Amino acid sequence: MIGYIWLFLIVVSIIVSIFTGNISKVTNAMLDNASFAVKLSISLIGVMAFWLGLVKIAEKSGLVSLISKIFLPVSRWLFPEIPKDNPAIGHIAMNFSANALGVTNAATPIGIKAMQELQKINAKKDTASNPMCMFLGMNTSGFQLIPASAIAVLVAAGNTNPTEIIFPTLVATCISFGSAIVVTKIFEKCGRKDG
């Protein structure tokens, strides 16, 4: 369905540009954005490869296990179905640490690794487990102590006081993070009653 929407938007844009005499602008924009998309993809691949390499080093060195042990008291309540020695807990903790610091490029490959570990212990491979839903809800809510990416955008835009967003961002993300946990726990309990 989304493909049809995109196709419709592209076709209408081209038709309108032909009738308004702006077809050269559309052509230039397509070429410029295609070039930008390739550059962006290559830079993202580099960042993902770098962080996945660090995750592999963290696994081999035992850092993931150490982080798992530190995160264990909280993870027992949030993720009771995950065995306490499972590497998924360490990946989840590392993902939340990266997100809290606003380093979302680092959080993405770690989050993917956490989901892969959660899938390994999932009894129903074609259905998301409770820990997967909790992790996704918490991850999507976007808790951040320091919104580094947003601050960088504000600095690039010439803002003279980009750090003024820290407190409002902290309040907003605490509310969204808490809401994600509460709603997921409610759905977990409803699922147990139904199934």
N, C-alpha and C. Protein backbone atom coordinates (compact mmCIF):
# COMPACT_ATOMS: atom_id res chain seq x y z
N MET A 1 0.82 -1.20 0.00
CA MET A 1 0.00 0.00 0.00
C MET A 1 0.87 1.27 0.00
N ILE A 2 1.90 1.27 0.83
CA ILE A 2 2.75 2.46 0.92
C ILE A 2 3.46 2.72 -0.41
N GLY A 3 3.77 1.63 -1.12
CA GLY A 3 4.39 1.77 -2.44
C GLY A 3 3.49 2.52 -3.41
N TYR A 4 2.19 2.26 -3.35
CA TYR A 4 1.24 2.96 -4.21
C TYR A 4 1.16 4.44 -3.85
N ILE A 5 1.22 4.73 -2.56
CA ILE A 5 1.18 6.13 -2.13
C ILE A 5 2.40 6.88 -2.66
N TRP A 6 3.58 6.26 -2.51
CA TRP A 6 4.81 6.89 -3.03
C TRP A 6 4.73 7.07 -4.54
N LEU A 7 4.27 6.05 -5.23
CA LEU A 7 4.14 6.14 -6.69
C LEU A 7 3.21 7.28 -7.08
N PHE A 8 2.08 7.39 -6.39
CA PHE A 8 1.13 8.47 -6.65
C PHE A 8 1.79 9.84 -6.44
N LEU A 9 2.50 10.01 -5.34
CA LEU A 9 3.16 11.29 -5.05
C LEU A 9 4.20 11.64 -6.11
N ILE A 10 4.97 10.66 -6.53
CA ILE A 10 6.01 10.90 -7.54
C ILE A 10 5.39 11.27 -8.88
N VAL A 11 4.38 10.51 -9.31
CA VAL A 11 3.74 10.77 -10.60
C VAL A 11 3.08 12.15 -10.59
N VAL A 12 2.36 12.48 -9.52
CA VAL A 12 1.70 13.79 -9.44
C VAL A 12 2.75 14.91 -9.45
N SER A 13 3.85 14.72 -8.73
CA SER A 13 4.91 15.74 -8.71
C SER A 13 5.49 15.97 -10.09
N ILE A 14 5.74 14.89 -10.81
CA ILE A 14 6.30 15.02 -12.17
C ILE A 14 5.31 15.71 -13.10
N ILE A 15 4.05 15.32 -13.03
CA ILE A 15 3.02 15.94 -13.88
C ILE A 15 2.89 17.44 -13.57
N VAL A 16 2.84 17.78 -12.30
CA VAL A 16 2.73 19.19 -11.91
C VAL A 16 3.96 19.97 -12.36
N SER A 17 5.15 19.37 -12.22
CA SER A 17 6.37 20.07 -12.64
C SER A 17 6.42 20.28 -14.15
N ILE A 18 5.86 19.36 -14.92
CA ILE A 18 5.80 19.54 -16.38
C ILE A 18 4.90 20.72 -16.73
N PHE A 19 3.72 20.77 -16.09
CA PHE A 19 2.77 21.84 -16.39
C PHE A 19 3.22 23.20 -15.87
N THR A 20 4.02 23.23 -14.82
CA THR A 20 4.49 24.52 -14.28
C THR A 20 5.84 24.92 -14.83
N GLY A 21 6.44 24.07 -15.65
CA GLY A 21 7.72 24.39 -16.25
C GLY A 21 8.91 24.19 -15.32
N ASN A 22 8.76 23.37 -14.32
CA ASN A 22 9.83 23.13 -13.34
C ASN A 22 10.44 21.73 -13.44
N ILE A 23 10.32 21.09 -14.58
CA ILE A 23 10.82 19.72 -14.72
C ILE A 23 12.33 19.65 -14.51
N SER A 24 13.05 20.70 -14.89
CA SER A 24 14.51 20.68 -14.69
C SER A 24 14.85 20.68 -13.19
N LYS A 25 14.04 21.37 -12.38
CA LYS A 25 14.27 21.38 -10.93
C LYS A 25 14.03 19.99 -10.34
N VAL A 26 13.01 19.31 -10.84
CA VAL A 26 12.72 17.94 -10.37
C VAL A 26 13.87 17.02 -10.74
N THR A 27 14.36 17.13 -11.97
CA THR A 27 15.48 16.29 -12.41
C THR A 27 16.72 16.55 -11.56
N ASN A 28 17.04 17.82 -11.34
CA ASN A 28 18.20 18.16 -10.50
C ASN A 28 18.03 17.64 -9.07
N ALA A 29 16.83 17.79 -8.53
CA ALA A 29 16.57 17.31 -7.16
C ALA A 29 16.71 15.80 -7.07
N MET A 30 16.24 15.08 -8.09
CA MET A 30 16.37 13.61 -8.09
C MET A 30 17.83 13.20 -8.10
N LEU A 31 18.63 13.83 -8.95
CA LEU A 31 20.05 13.48 -9.04
C LEU A 31 20.79 13.85 -7.76
N ASP A 32 20.52 15.04 -7.22
CA ASP A 32 21.19 15.46 -5.98
C ASP A 32 20.83 14.54 -4.81
N ASN A 33 19.56 14.21 -4.70
CA ASN A 33 19.13 13.36 -3.59
C ASN A 33 19.57 11.92 -3.75
N ALA A 34 19.69 11.45 -4.97
CA ALA A 34 20.23 10.10 -5.19
C ALA A 34 21.67 10.03 -4.72
N SER A 35 22.44 11.06 -5.04
CA SER A 35 23.83 11.14 -4.60
C SER A 35 23.91 11.21 -3.08
N PHE A 36 23.05 12.03 -2.47
CA PHE A 36 23.02 12.15 -1.01
C PHE A 36 22.65 10.82 -0.36
N ALA A 37 21.68 10.11 -0.94
CA ALA A 37 21.24 8.83 -0.38
C ALA A 37 22.38 7.81 -0.36
N VAL A 38 23.17 7.78 -1.44
CA VAL A 38 24.31 6.85 -1.50
C VAL A 38 25.34 7.22 -0.43
N LYS A 39 25.67 8.51 -0.31
CA LYS A 39 26.64 8.95 0.70
C LYS A 39 26.16 8.62 2.11
N LEU A 40 24.88 8.89 2.37
CA LEU A 40 24.31 8.60 3.68
C LEU A 40 24.35 7.11 3.98
N SER A 41 23.99 6.29 3.00
CA SER A 41 24.00 4.83 3.19
C SER A 41 25.39 4.33 3.52
N ILE A 42 26.38 4.82 2.79
CA ILE A 42 27.76 4.39 3.05
C ILE A 42 28.21 4.81 4.44
N SER A 43 27.88 6.04 4.85
CA SER A 43 28.29 6.48 6.19
C SER A 43 27.58 5.68 7.27
N LEU A 44 26.29 5.35 7.06
CA LEU A 44 25.57 4.55 8.05
C LEU A 44 26.10 3.13 8.12
N ILE A 45 26.46 2.57 6.97
CA ILE A 45 27.05 1.23 6.96
C ILE A 45 28.35 1.23 7.75
N GLY A 46 29.15 2.27 7.57
CA GLY A 46 30.41 2.38 8.32
C GLY A 46 30.18 2.46 9.81
N VAL A 47 29.22 3.28 10.22
CA VAL A 47 28.91 3.43 11.65
C VAL A 47 28.39 2.12 12.22
N MET A 48 27.48 1.47 11.49
CA MET A 48 26.93 0.20 11.98
C MET A 48 28.02 -0.86 12.08
N ALA A 49 28.89 -0.94 11.10
CA ALA A 49 29.99 -1.92 11.14
C ALA A 49 30.90 -1.65 12.33
N PHE A 50 31.20 -0.37 12.58
CA PHE A 50 32.05 0.00 13.71
C PHE A 50 31.43 -0.46 15.03
N TRP A 51 30.15 -0.13 15.25
CA TRP A 51 29.52 -0.47 16.52
C TRP A 51 29.27 -1.97 16.66
N LEU A 52 28.96 -2.65 15.57
CA LEU A 52 28.82 -4.11 15.66
C LEU A 52 30.15 -4.76 16.01
N GLY A 53 31.25 -4.20 15.48
CA GLY A 53 32.58 -4.69 15.85
C GLY A 53 32.85 -4.48 17.33
N LEU A 54 32.48 -3.32 17.86
CA LEU A 54 32.65 -3.07 19.30
C LEU A 54 31.80 -4.02 20.14
N VAL A 55 30.58 -4.30 19.67
CA VAL A 55 29.73 -5.25 20.39
C VAL A 55 30.38 -6.63 20.43
N LYS A 56 30.95 -7.04 19.31
CA LYS A 56 31.63 -8.35 19.26
C LYS A 56 32.80 -8.38 20.23
N ILE A 57 33.58 -7.30 20.28
CA ILE A 57 34.70 -7.21 21.23
C ILE A 57 34.17 -7.25 22.66
N ALA A 58 33.07 -6.53 22.92
CA ALA A 58 32.48 -6.52 24.26
C ALA A 58 32.01 -7.92 24.66
N GLU A 59 31.46 -8.67 23.71
CA GLU A 59 31.04 -10.04 23.99
C GLU A 59 32.23 -10.91 24.35
N LYS A 60 33.28 -10.86 23.52
CA LYS A 60 34.46 -11.72 23.72
C LYS A 60 35.21 -11.36 25.00
N SER A 61 35.22 -10.07 25.37
CA SER A 61 35.97 -9.64 26.55
C SER A 61 35.21 -9.86 27.85
N GLY A 62 33.94 -10.18 27.77
CA GLY A 62 33.15 -10.39 28.97
C GLY A 62 32.43 -9.14 29.45
N LEU A 63 32.55 -8.04 28.72
CA LEU A 63 31.90 -6.79 29.12
C LEU A 63 30.38 -6.93 29.10
N VAL A 64 29.84 -7.65 28.12
CA VAL A 64 28.40 -7.85 28.05
C VAL A 64 27.91 -8.60 29.28
N SER A 65 28.67 -9.60 29.72
CA SER A 65 28.30 -10.35 30.93
C SER A 65 28.33 -9.46 32.16
N LEU A 66 29.34 -8.61 32.25
CA LEU A 66 29.45 -7.69 33.39
C LEU A 66 28.28 -6.71 33.41
N ILE A 67 27.96 -6.15 32.26
CA ILE A 67 26.82 -5.22 32.18
C ILE A 67 25.53 -5.95 32.52
N SER A 68 25.41 -7.21 32.11
CA SER A 68 24.23 -8.02 32.43
C SER A 68 24.07 -8.15 33.94
N LYS A 69 25.17 -8.40 34.64
CA LYS A 69 25.10 -8.56 36.10
C LYS A 69 24.71 -7.26 36.79
N ILE A 70 25.21 -6.14 36.29
CA ILE A 70 24.87 -4.84 36.88
C ILE A 70 23.39 -4.53 36.64
N PHE A 71 22.90 -4.85 35.46
CA PHE A 71 21.53 -4.56 35.05
C PHE A 71 20.53 -5.60 35.58
N LEU A 72 21.03 -6.70 36.16
CA LEU A 72 20.19 -7.85 36.54
C LEU A 72 19.01 -7.50 37.45
N PRO A 73 19.18 -6.72 38.54
CA PRO A 73 18.03 -6.45 39.40
C PRO A 73 16.85 -5.80 38.66
N VAL A 74 17.14 -4.86 37.80
CA VAL A 74 16.09 -4.19 37.03
C VAL A 74 15.54 -5.13 35.97
N SER A 75 16.42 -5.88 35.34
CA SER A 75 15.99 -6.76 34.25
C SER A 75 15.10 -7.90 34.74
N ARG A 76 15.26 -8.33 35.98
CA ARG A 76 14.41 -9.40 36.52
C ARG A 76 12.95 -8.96 36.53
N TRP A 77 12.71 -7.69 36.86
CA TRP A 77 11.33 -7.20 36.88
C TRP A 77 10.83 -6.90 35.47
N LEU A 78 11.66 -6.25 34.66
CA LEU A 78 11.24 -5.88 33.31
C LEU A 78 11.13 -7.07 32.37
N PHE A 79 12.07 -8.00 32.51
CA PHE A 79 12.16 -9.14 31.59
C PHE A 79 12.23 -10.45 32.38
N PRO A 80 11.16 -10.83 33.09
CA PRO A 80 11.24 -12.03 33.93
C PRO A 80 11.42 -13.33 33.15
N GLU A 81 11.09 -13.33 31.86
CA GLU A 81 11.18 -14.56 31.06
C GLU A 81 12.58 -14.81 30.50
N ILE A 82 13.48 -13.83 30.61
CA ILE A 82 14.83 -14.01 30.09
C ILE A 82 15.69 -14.65 31.17
N PRO A 83 16.37 -15.77 30.87
CA PRO A 83 17.27 -16.38 31.85
C PRO A 83 18.35 -15.38 32.27
N LYS A 84 18.73 -15.40 33.55
CA LYS A 84 19.62 -14.35 34.06
C LYS A 84 21.01 -14.37 33.46
N ASP A 85 21.44 -15.48 32.89
CA ASP A 85 22.77 -15.53 32.29
C ASP A 85 22.75 -15.32 30.77
N ASN A 86 21.59 -14.95 30.22
CA ASN A 86 21.45 -14.77 28.77
C ASN A 86 22.12 -13.48 28.31
N PRO A 87 22.87 -13.53 27.20
CA PRO A 87 23.54 -12.32 26.70
C PRO A 87 22.58 -11.21 26.26
N ALA A 88 21.32 -11.54 26.04
CA ALA A 88 20.35 -10.51 25.63
C ALA A 88 20.27 -9.39 26.66
N ILE A 89 20.39 -9.73 27.95
CA ILE A 89 20.30 -8.72 29.00
C ILE A 89 21.42 -7.70 28.87
N GLY A 90 22.62 -8.16 28.59
CA GLY A 90 23.75 -7.24 28.41
C GLY A 90 23.56 -6.35 27.20
N HIS A 91 23.06 -6.92 26.11
CA HIS A 91 22.81 -6.13 24.90
C HIS A 91 21.71 -5.09 25.14
N ILE A 92 20.68 -5.49 25.87
CA ILE A 92 19.60 -4.56 26.20
C ILE A 92 20.14 -3.41 27.04
N ALA A 93 20.96 -3.73 28.04
CA ALA A 93 21.55 -2.69 28.90
C ALA A 93 22.45 -1.75 28.09
N MET A 94 23.25 -2.32 27.20
CA MET A 94 24.12 -1.49 26.36
C MET A 94 23.30 -0.60 25.42
N ASN A 95 22.20 -1.15 24.90
CA ASN A 95 21.33 -0.38 24.02
C ASN A 95 20.73 0.81 24.75
N PHE A 96 20.24 0.58 25.97
CA PHE A 96 19.64 1.67 26.73
C PHE A 96 20.68 2.70 27.14
N SER A 97 21.90 2.25 27.42
CA SER A 97 22.97 3.20 27.75
C SER A 97 23.26 4.11 26.56
N ALA A 98 23.36 3.52 25.38
CA ALA A 98 23.63 4.32 24.18
C ALA A 98 22.49 5.28 23.89
N ASN A 99 21.25 4.81 24.03
CA ASN A 99 20.10 5.69 23.81
C ASN A 99 20.04 6.81 24.83
N ALA A 100 20.33 6.49 26.10
CA ALA A 100 20.28 7.50 27.16
C ALA A 100 21.29 8.61 26.91
N LEU A 101 22.41 8.26 26.30
CA LEU A 101 23.43 9.26 26.00
C LEU A 101 23.20 9.94 24.66
N GLY A 102 22.13 9.56 23.97
CA GLY A 102 21.80 10.20 22.70
C GLY A 102 22.61 9.72 21.52
N VAL A 103 23.32 8.60 21.68
CA VAL A 103 24.15 8.07 20.60
C VAL A 103 23.33 7.00 19.88
N THR A 104 22.33 7.45 19.12
CA THR A 104 21.38 6.52 18.52
C THR A 104 22.00 5.65 17.44
N ASN A 105 23.03 6.15 16.75
CA ASN A 105 23.70 5.31 15.75
C ASN A 105 24.36 4.11 16.41
N ALA A 106 24.83 4.27 17.63
CA ALA A 106 25.42 3.15 18.36
C ALA A 106 24.34 2.21 18.87
N ALA A 107 23.19 2.76 19.24
CA ALA A 107 22.13 1.95 19.83
C ALA A 107 21.48 1.01 18.83
N THR A 108 21.40 1.41 17.57
CA THR A 108 20.69 0.60 16.58
C THR A 108 21.29 -0.79 16.39
N PRO A 109 22.58 -0.93 16.09
CA PRO A 109 23.11 -2.29 15.91
C PRO A 109 23.08 -3.11 17.20
N ILE A 110 23.24 -2.44 18.34
CA ILE A 110 23.17 -3.16 19.62
C ILE A 110 21.75 -3.65 19.86
N GLY A 111 20.76 -2.83 19.51
CA GLY A 111 19.36 -3.23 19.64
C GLY A 111 19.02 -4.39 18.74
N ILE A 112 19.56 -4.38 17.53
CA ILE A 112 19.34 -5.50 16.60
C ILE A 112 19.92 -6.78 17.19
N LYS A 113 21.11 -6.69 17.75
CA LYS A 113 21.75 -7.86 18.38
C LYS A 113 20.91 -8.35 19.56
N ALA A 114 20.36 -7.43 20.35
CA ALA A 114 19.51 -7.82 21.48
C ALA A 114 18.28 -8.57 20.99
N MET A 115 17.66 -8.07 19.92
CA MET A 115 16.48 -8.75 19.36
C MET A 115 16.83 -10.14 18.83
N GLN A 116 18.01 -10.27 18.23
CA GLN A 116 18.43 -11.59 17.74
C GLN A 116 18.58 -12.56 18.91
N GLU A 117 19.16 -12.08 20.01
CA GLU A 117 19.31 -12.94 21.20
C GLU A 117 17.95 -13.29 21.79
N LEU A 118 17.02 -12.33 21.80
CA LEU A 118 15.68 -12.60 22.31
C LEU A 118 14.95 -13.60 21.42
N GLN A 119 15.18 -13.54 20.11
CA GLN A 119 14.53 -14.48 19.19
C GLN A 119 15.03 -15.90 19.44
N LYS A 120 16.31 -16.05 19.82
CA LYS A 120 16.86 -17.38 20.09
C LYS A 120 16.13 -18.09 21.22
N ILE A 121 15.64 -17.32 22.22
CA ILE A 121 14.96 -17.93 23.37
C ILE A 121 13.44 -17.85 23.24
N ASN A 122 12.97 -17.36 22.11
CA ASN A 122 11.53 -17.22 21.88
C ASN A 122 10.93 -18.59 21.56
N ALA A 123 9.92 -19.00 22.32
CA ALA A 123 9.28 -20.30 22.11
C ALA A 123 8.47 -20.32 20.82
N LYS A 124 7.79 -19.24 20.51
CA LYS A 124 7.00 -19.14 19.28
C LYS A 124 7.74 -18.23 18.31
N LYS A 125 8.48 -18.81 17.39
CA LYS A 125 9.35 -18.05 16.50
C LYS A 125 8.61 -17.08 15.58
N ASP A 126 7.32 -17.32 15.33
CA ASP A 126 6.57 -16.44 14.44
C ASP A 126 5.79 -15.35 15.18
N THR A 127 5.97 -15.27 16.51
CA THR A 127 5.25 -14.30 17.33
C THR A 127 6.24 -13.61 18.26
N ALA A 128 6.09 -12.31 18.44
CA ALA A 128 6.97 -11.58 19.36
C ALA A 128 6.68 -12.01 20.80
N SER A 129 7.73 -12.28 21.55
CA SER A 129 7.58 -12.68 22.95
C SER A 129 7.37 -11.44 23.82
N ASN A 130 6.99 -11.66 25.08
CA ASN A 130 6.82 -10.54 26.02
C ASN A 130 8.11 -9.73 26.17
N PRO A 131 9.28 -10.38 26.34
CA PRO A 131 10.50 -9.58 26.43
C PRO A 131 10.78 -8.76 25.17
N MET A 132 10.46 -9.32 24.00
CA MET A 132 10.66 -8.58 22.75
C MET A 132 9.75 -7.34 22.72
N CYS A 133 8.50 -7.52 23.14
CA CYS A 133 7.56 -6.39 23.15
C CYS A 133 7.99 -5.33 24.15
N MET A 134 8.45 -5.76 25.33
CA MET A 134 8.91 -4.80 26.34
C MET A 134 10.13 -4.04 25.82
N PHE A 135 11.07 -4.76 25.25
CA PHE A 135 12.28 -4.11 24.73
C PHE A 135 11.93 -3.12 23.62
N LEU A 136 11.06 -3.54 22.72
CA LEU A 136 10.67 -2.66 21.61
C LEU A 136 9.95 -1.42 22.13
N GLY A 137 9.03 -1.61 23.08
CA GLY A 137 8.30 -0.47 23.64
C GLY A 137 9.23 0.51 24.34
N MET A 138 10.14 -0.03 25.15
CA MET A 138 11.08 0.84 25.88
C MET A 138 12.04 1.53 24.91
N ASN A 139 12.49 0.79 23.92
CA ASN A 139 13.44 1.34 22.96
C ASN A 139 12.79 2.42 22.09
N THR A 140 11.56 2.17 21.68
CA THR A 140 10.85 3.12 20.84
C THR A 140 10.48 4.39 21.60
N SER A 141 10.27 4.28 22.90
CA SER A 141 9.90 5.46 23.69
C SER A 141 11.02 6.49 23.73
N GLY A 142 12.25 6.06 23.50
CA GLY A 142 13.36 6.98 23.32
C GLY A 142 13.87 7.71 24.54
N PHE A 143 14.02 7.04 25.68
CA PHE A 143 14.55 7.68 26.88
C PHE A 143 15.94 8.25 26.62
N GLN A 144 16.14 9.52 26.97
CA GLN A 144 17.45 10.16 26.77
C GLN A 144 17.77 11.07 27.96
N LEU A 145 18.95 10.86 28.54
CA LEU A 145 19.47 11.78 29.55
C LEU A 145 20.05 13.01 28.87
N ILE A 146 20.80 12.76 27.80
CA ILE A 146 21.44 13.83 27.04
C ILE A 146 21.05 13.66 25.58
N PRO A 147 20.22 14.54 25.04
CA PRO A 147 19.82 14.42 23.63
C PRO A 147 20.92 14.92 22.69
N ALA A 148 21.99 14.16 22.60
CA ALA A 148 23.18 14.59 21.85
C ALA A 148 22.87 14.90 20.38
N SER A 149 22.07 14.06 19.74
CA SER A 149 21.75 14.28 18.32
C SER A 149 20.98 15.58 18.13
N ALA A 150 19.99 15.82 18.99
CA ALA A 150 19.20 17.06 18.88
C ALA A 150 20.06 18.28 19.17
N ILE A 151 20.94 18.18 20.14
CA ILE A 151 21.84 19.30 20.45
C ILE A 151 22.75 19.59 19.26
N ALA A 152 23.25 18.53 18.62
CA ALA A 152 24.12 18.72 17.45
C ALA A 152 23.37 19.42 16.32
N VAL A 153 22.11 19.06 16.11
CA VAL A 153 21.31 19.71 15.06
C VAL A 153 21.11 21.19 15.41
N LEU A 154 20.83 21.49 16.67
CA LEU A 154 20.63 22.88 17.08
C LEU A 154 21.91 23.70 16.92
N VAL A 155 23.05 23.10 17.25
CA VAL A 155 24.34 23.79 17.07
C VAL A 155 24.57 24.07 15.59
N ALA A 156 24.30 23.07 14.75
CA ALA A 156 24.49 23.24 13.31
C ALA A 156 23.57 24.32 12.75
N ALA A 157 22.40 24.48 13.37
CA ALA A 157 21.44 25.50 12.91
C ALA A 157 21.76 26.88 13.48
N GLY A 158 22.80 26.98 14.32
CA GLY A 158 23.21 28.28 14.84
C GLY A 158 22.55 28.67 16.15
N ASN A 159 21.94 27.74 16.85
CA ASN A 159 21.31 28.04 18.13
C ASN A 159 22.38 28.44 19.14
N THR A 160 22.13 29.51 19.89
CA THR A 160 23.13 30.00 20.85
C THR A 160 23.07 29.27 22.19
N ASN A 161 21.95 28.60 22.49
CA ASN A 161 21.83 27.87 23.75
C ASN A 161 21.18 26.51 23.50
N PRO A 162 21.88 25.61 22.83
CA PRO A 162 21.26 24.33 22.45
C PRO A 162 20.99 23.40 23.64
N THR A 163 21.67 23.61 24.75
CA THR A 163 21.48 22.71 25.90
C THR A 163 20.20 23.00 26.68
N GLU A 164 19.48 24.06 26.32
CA GLU A 164 18.25 24.37 27.03
C GLU A 164 17.17 23.30 26.82
N ILE A 165 17.38 22.41 25.87
CA ILE A 165 16.39 21.35 25.62
C ILE A 165 16.59 20.14 26.51
N ILE A 166 17.66 20.10 27.29
CA ILE A 166 17.96 18.90 28.08
C ILE A 166 16.85 18.60 29.08
N PHE A 167 16.45 19.56 29.89
CA PHE A 167 15.43 19.30 30.91
C PHE A 167 14.08 18.92 30.30
N PRO A 168 13.55 19.69 29.34
CA PRO A 168 12.27 19.28 28.74
C PRO A 168 12.34 17.91 28.07
N THR A 169 13.48 17.63 27.44
CA THR A 169 13.64 16.32 26.80
C THR A 169 13.65 15.22 27.85
N LEU A 170 14.33 15.44 28.96
CA LEU A 170 14.38 14.45 30.04
C LEU A 170 12.99 14.18 30.59
N VAL A 171 12.22 15.23 30.83
CA VAL A 171 10.85 15.06 31.34
C VAL A 171 9.99 14.29 30.34
N ALA A 172 10.03 14.71 29.09
CA ALA A 172 9.21 14.07 28.06
C ALA A 172 9.58 12.60 27.87
N THR A 173 10.89 12.31 27.84
CA THR A 173 11.30 10.92 27.61
C THR A 173 11.06 10.05 28.84
N CYS A 174 11.13 10.63 30.04
CA CYS A 174 10.78 9.86 31.25
C CYS A 174 9.31 9.45 31.22
N ILE A 175 8.46 10.39 30.81
CA ILE A 175 7.03 10.09 30.71
C ILE A 175 6.78 9.02 29.65
N SER A 176 7.39 9.16 28.48
CA SER A 176 7.16 8.18 27.42
C SER A 176 7.74 6.82 27.79
N PHE A 177 8.91 6.81 28.45
CA PHE A 177 9.55 5.57 28.86
C PHE A 177 8.70 4.84 29.90
N GLY A 178 8.24 5.59 30.91
CA GLY A 178 7.38 5.01 31.94
C GLY A 178 6.08 4.50 31.36
N SER A 179 5.50 5.26 30.45
CA SER A 179 4.25 4.84 29.80
C SER A 179 4.44 3.56 29.01
N ALA A 180 5.56 3.45 28.31
CA ALA A 180 5.84 2.24 27.53
C ALA A 180 5.91 1.02 28.44
N ILE A 181 6.57 1.17 29.59
CA ILE A 181 6.69 0.05 30.53
C ILE A 181 5.32 -0.34 31.07
N VAL A 182 4.54 0.65 31.53
CA VAL A 182 3.22 0.38 32.12
C VAL A 182 2.30 -0.28 31.10
N VAL A 183 2.23 0.27 29.90
CA VAL A 183 1.33 -0.28 28.87
C VAL A 183 1.75 -1.70 28.48
N THR A 184 3.05 -1.92 28.34
CA THR A 184 3.52 -3.26 27.98
C THR A 184 3.20 -4.26 29.08
N LYS A 185 3.40 -3.88 30.34
CA LYS A 185 3.08 -4.77 31.47
C LYS A 185 1.58 -5.08 31.50
N ILE A 186 0.74 -4.09 31.21
CA ILE A 186 -0.71 -4.32 31.16
C ILE A 186 -1.05 -5.33 30.06
N PHE A 187 -0.46 -5.14 28.88
CA PHE A 187 -0.72 -6.08 27.78
C PHE A 187 -0.19 -7.47 28.10
N GLU A 188 0.94 -7.56 28.81
CA GLU A 188 1.47 -8.86 29.22
C GLU A 188 0.46 -9.58 30.10
N LYS A 189 -0.10 -8.87 31.08
CA LYS A 189 -1.07 -9.48 31.99
C LYS A 189 -2.35 -9.88 31.26
N CYS A 190 -2.80 -9.04 30.32
CA CYS A 190 -4.00 -9.37 29.53
C CYS A 190 -3.75 -10.60 28.67
N GLY A 191 -2.55 -10.71 28.12
CA GLY A 191 -2.19 -11.86 27.29
C GLY A 191 -2.19 -13.15 28.08
N ARG A 192 -1.74 -13.08 29.35
CA ARG A 192 -1.73 -14.28 30.19
C ARG A 192 -3.13 -14.73 30.54
N LYS A 193 -4.04 -13.77 30.74
CA LYS A 193 -5.43 -14.12 31.07
C LYS A 193 -6.13 -14.74 29.87
N ASP A 194 -5.86 -14.15 28.66
CA ASP A 194 -6.52 -14.64 27.45
C ASP A 194 -5.95 -15.98 26.99
N GLY A 195 -4.63 -16.11 27.08
CA GLY A 195 -4.00 -17.30 26.52
C GLY A 195 -3.62 -18.20 27.57
